[in-house]
C-alpha atoms as a PDB file:
ATOM      1  CA  MET A   1       0.000   0.000   0.000  1.00  0.00           C
ATOM      2  CA  ALA A   2       1.310   3.452  -0.854  1.00  0.00           C
ATOM      3  CA  ALA A   3       1.612   5.764   2.126  1.00  0.00           C
ATOM      4  CA  SER A   4      -1.736   7.328   2.921  1.00  0.00           C
ATOM      5  CA  ILE A   5      -0.301   9.780   5.452  1.00  0.00           C
ATOM      6  CA  ARG A   6       1.414  13.109   4.819  1.00  0.00           C
ATOM      7  CA  VAL A   7       2.862  14.898   7.843  1.00  0.00           C
ATOM      8  CA  ARG A   8       4.517  18.236   8.401  1.00  0.00           C
ATOM      9  CA  ALA A   9       5.907  18.875  11.892  1.00  0.00           C
ATOM     10  CA  ILE A  10       7.719  22.136  12.545  1.00  0.00           C
ATOM     11  CA  LEU A  11       9.176  23.367  15.820  1.00  0.00           C
ATOM     12  CA  ASN A  12       8.117  26.913  16.632  1.00  0.00           C
ATOM     13  CA  GLY A  13       9.819  27.994  19.847  1.00  0.00           C
ATOM     14  CA  ASP A  14       9.074  25.219  22.338  1.00  0.00           C
ATOM     15  CA  THR A  15       5.954  24.036  20.495  1.00  0.00           C
ATOM     16  CA  ALA A  16       5.783  21.479  17.685  1.00  0.00           C
ATOM     17  CA  GLU A  17       3.093  22.364  15.158  1.00  0.00           C
ATOM     18  CA  VAL A  18       1.795  19.304  13.320  1.00  0.00           C
ATOM     19  CA  GLN A  19      -0.269  19.202  10.127  1.00  0.00           C
ATOM     20  CA  THR A  20      -1.451  15.893   8.717  1.00  0.00           C
ATOM     21  CA  LEU A  21      -3.434  14.832   5.665  1.00  0.00           C
ATOM     22  CA  ILE A  22      -4.677  11.244   5.474  1.00  0.00           C
ATOM     23  CA  GLN A  23      -6.001   9.730   2.262  1.00  0.00           C
ATOM     24  CA  HIS A  24      -8.982   7.577   3.193  1.00  0.00           C
ATOM     25  CA  PRO A  25     -12.520   7.256   1.747  1.00  0.00           C
ATOM     26  CA  MET A  26     -14.242   7.644   5.151  1.00  0.00           C
ATOM     27  CA  ASP A  27     -17.464   6.085   3.793  1.00  0.00           C
ATOM     28  CA  THR A  28     -20.419   6.287   6.201  1.00  0.00           C
ATOM     29  CA  GLY A  29     -22.347   3.282   4.909  1.00  0.00           C
ATOM     30  CA  LEU A  30     -25.305   5.564   4.131  1.00  0.00           C
ATOM     31  CA  VAL A  31     -24.346   6.687   0.609  1.00  0.00           C
ATOM     32  CA  LYS A  32     -25.450   4.851  -2.525  1.00  0.00           C
ATOM     33  CA  ASP A  33     -23.324   4.159  -5.593  1.00  0.00           C
ATOM     34  CA  ALA A  34     -24.370   4.730  -9.225  1.00  0.00           C
ATOM     35  CA  LYS A  35     -26.365   1.464  -9.182  1.00  0.00           C
ATOM     36  CA  GLY A  36     -28.327   2.552  -6.111  1.00  0.00           C
ATOM     37  CA  GLU A  37     -26.598   0.124  -3.764  1.00  0.00           C
ATOM     38  CA  LEU A  38     -25.217   1.226  -0.403  1.00  0.00           C
ATOM     39  CA  ILE A  39     -21.467   1.673  -0.237  1.00  0.00           C
ATOM     40  CA  PRO A  40     -20.315  -0.262   2.868  1.00  0.00           C
ATOM     41  CA  ALA A  41     -18.986   1.745   5.803  1.00  0.00           C
ATOM     42  CA  HIS A  42     -15.208   2.217   5.652  1.00  0.00           C
ATOM     43  CA  TYR A  43     -13.721   4.764   8.028  1.00  0.00           C
ATOM     44  CA  ILE A  44     -10.774   5.398  10.334  1.00  0.00           C
ATOM     45  CA  GLN A  45     -11.598   4.440  13.919  1.00  0.00           C
ATOM     46  CA  GLN A  46      -8.388   5.398  15.703  1.00  0.00           C
ATOM     47  CA  LEU A  47      -5.704   7.943  14.902  1.00  0.00           C
ATOM     48  CA  THR A  48      -2.627   8.139  17.128  1.00  0.00           C
ATOM     49  CA  PHE A  49       0.399  10.447  17.228  1.00  0.00           C
ATOM     50  CA  THR A  50       3.310   9.305  19.407  1.00  0.00           C
ATOM     51  CA  HIS A  51       6.412  11.247  20.436  1.00  0.00           C
ATOM     52  CA  LYS A  52       9.108   9.562  22.553  1.00  0.00           C
ATOM     53  CA  ASP A  53       6.768   6.639  23.343  1.00  0.00           C
ATOM     54  CA  LYS A  54       4.127   9.036  24.681  1.00  0.00           C
ATOM     55  CA  THR A  55       0.782   9.620  22.956  1.00  0.00           C
ATOM     56  CA  VAL A  56       0.503  13.348  22.199  1.00  0.00           C
ATOM     57  CA  PHE A  57      -2.748  13.142  20.195  1.00  0.00           C
ATOM     58  CA  PHE A  58      -5.417  10.460  19.966  1.00  0.00           C
ATOM     59  CA  ALA A  59      -8.688  10.526  18.027  1.00  0.00           C
ATOM     60  CA  ASP A  60     -11.502   7.983  18.306  1.00  0.00           C
ATOM     61  CA  TRP A  61     -13.453   8.583  15.108  1.00  0.00           C
ATOM     62  CA  GLY A  62     -16.690   7.377  13.574  1.00  0.00           C
ATOM     63  CA  THR A  63     -18.551   8.020  10.348  1.00  0.00           C
ATOM     64  CA  ALA A  64     -18.923  11.785  10.858  1.00  0.00           C
ATOM     65  CA  VAL A  65     -15.390  12.599   9.630  1.00  0.00           C
ATOM     66  CA  SER A  66     -15.011  13.709   6.016  1.00  0.00           C
ATOM     67  CA  LYS A  67     -13.054  12.009   3.248  1.00  0.00           C
ATOM     68  CA  ASP A  68      -9.263  12.568   3.353  1.00  0.00           C
ATOM     69  CA  PRO A  69      -9.220  14.051   6.871  1.00  0.00           C
ATOM     70  CA  TYR A  70      -6.895  16.929   7.758  1.00  0.00           C
ATOM     71  CA  VAL A  71      -5.643  17.209  11.336  1.00  0.00           C
ATOM     72  CA  LYS A  72      -3.734  20.114  12.850  1.00  0.00           C
ATOM     73  CA  PHE A  73      -2.541  20.360  16.448  1.00  0.00           C
ATOM     74  CA  ALA A  74       0.425  21.478  18.547  1.00  0.00           C
ATOM     75  CA  PHE A  75       2.264  20.017  21.512  1.00  0.00           C
ATOM     76  CA  LYS A  76       5.185  20.947  23.746  1.00  0.00           C
ATOM     77  CA  GLY A  77       8.279  18.969  24.655  1.00  0.00           C
ATOM     78  CA  ALA A  78       9.693  18.260  21.208  1.00  0.00           C
ATOM     79  CA  ALA A  79      13.054  19.177  19.736  1.00  0.00           C
ATOM     80  CA  LYS A  80      14.290  19.467  16.158  1.00  0.00           C
ATOM     81  CA  GLY A  81      15.211  16.049  14.833  1.00  0.00           C
ATOM     82  CA  ASP A  82      12.822  14.159  17.131  1.00  0.00           C
ATOM     83  CA  GLU A  83      10.594  11.527  15.565  1.00  0.00           C
ATOM     84  CA  LEU A  84       6.812  11.676  15.512  1.00  0.00           C
ATOM     85  CA  LYS A  85       4.959   8.468  14.694  1.00  0.00           C
ATOM     86  CA  VAL A  86       1.495   8.640  13.138  1.00  0.00           C
ATOM     87  CA  SER A  87      -0.743   5.590  12.805  1.00  0.00           C
ATOM     88  CA  TRP A  88      -4.367   4.813  12.061  1.00  0.00           C
ATOM     89  CA  LEU A  89      -6.678   1.802  12.219  1.00  0.00           C
ATOM     90  CA  ASP A  90      -9.933   1.577  10.269  1.00  0.00           C
ATOM     91  CA  ASN A  91     -13.130  -0.422  10.795  1.00  0.00           C
ATOM     92  CA  LYS A  92     -12.042  -3.074   8.269  1.00  0.00           C
ATOM     93  CA  GLY A  93      -8.771  -3.769  10.093  1.00  0.00           C
ATOM     94  CA  ALA A  94      -6.520  -1.870   7.681  1.00  0.00           C
ATOM     95  CA  THR A  95      -3.700   0.191   9.153  1.00  0.00           C
ATOM     96  CA  ASP A  96      -1.006   2.575   8.056  1.00  0.00           C
ATOM     97  CA  SER A  97       1.771   4.369   9.879  1.00  0.00           C
ATOM     98  CA  LEU A  98       4.504   6.865   9.174  1.00  0.00           C
ATOM     99  CA  THR A  99       7.395   8.272  11.158  1.00  0.00           C
ATOM    100  CA  ALA A 100       8.194  11.922  10.497  1.00  0.00           C
ATOM    101  CA  THR A 101      11.099  14.041  11.693  1.00  0.00           C
ATOM    102  CA  ILE A 102      10.292  17.287  13.447  1.00  0.00           C
ATOM    103  CA  GLN A 103      11.933  20.131  11.532  1.00  0.00           C
END
């Protein structure tokens, strides 16, 4: 699978500012296709950001999140060159993860 996660993490003073774009259909299970049949639900359930083995952001999602979700947040305690791990798990058991370097 090609990487579905794009991350940009930049240190601004003592705060790491993180921007993430995740490619995922985020189907609710309520939309019909061209044939009039329901498209099965397919969405990210858990999104986790980890820095130095500590979770700095966690999201427990459902069907209300739009396609290709964008997440932006900030946290303290990072330094330039530190690694930030991003991972997600969807309702069909698929996962993806990426490790980014804080700039």
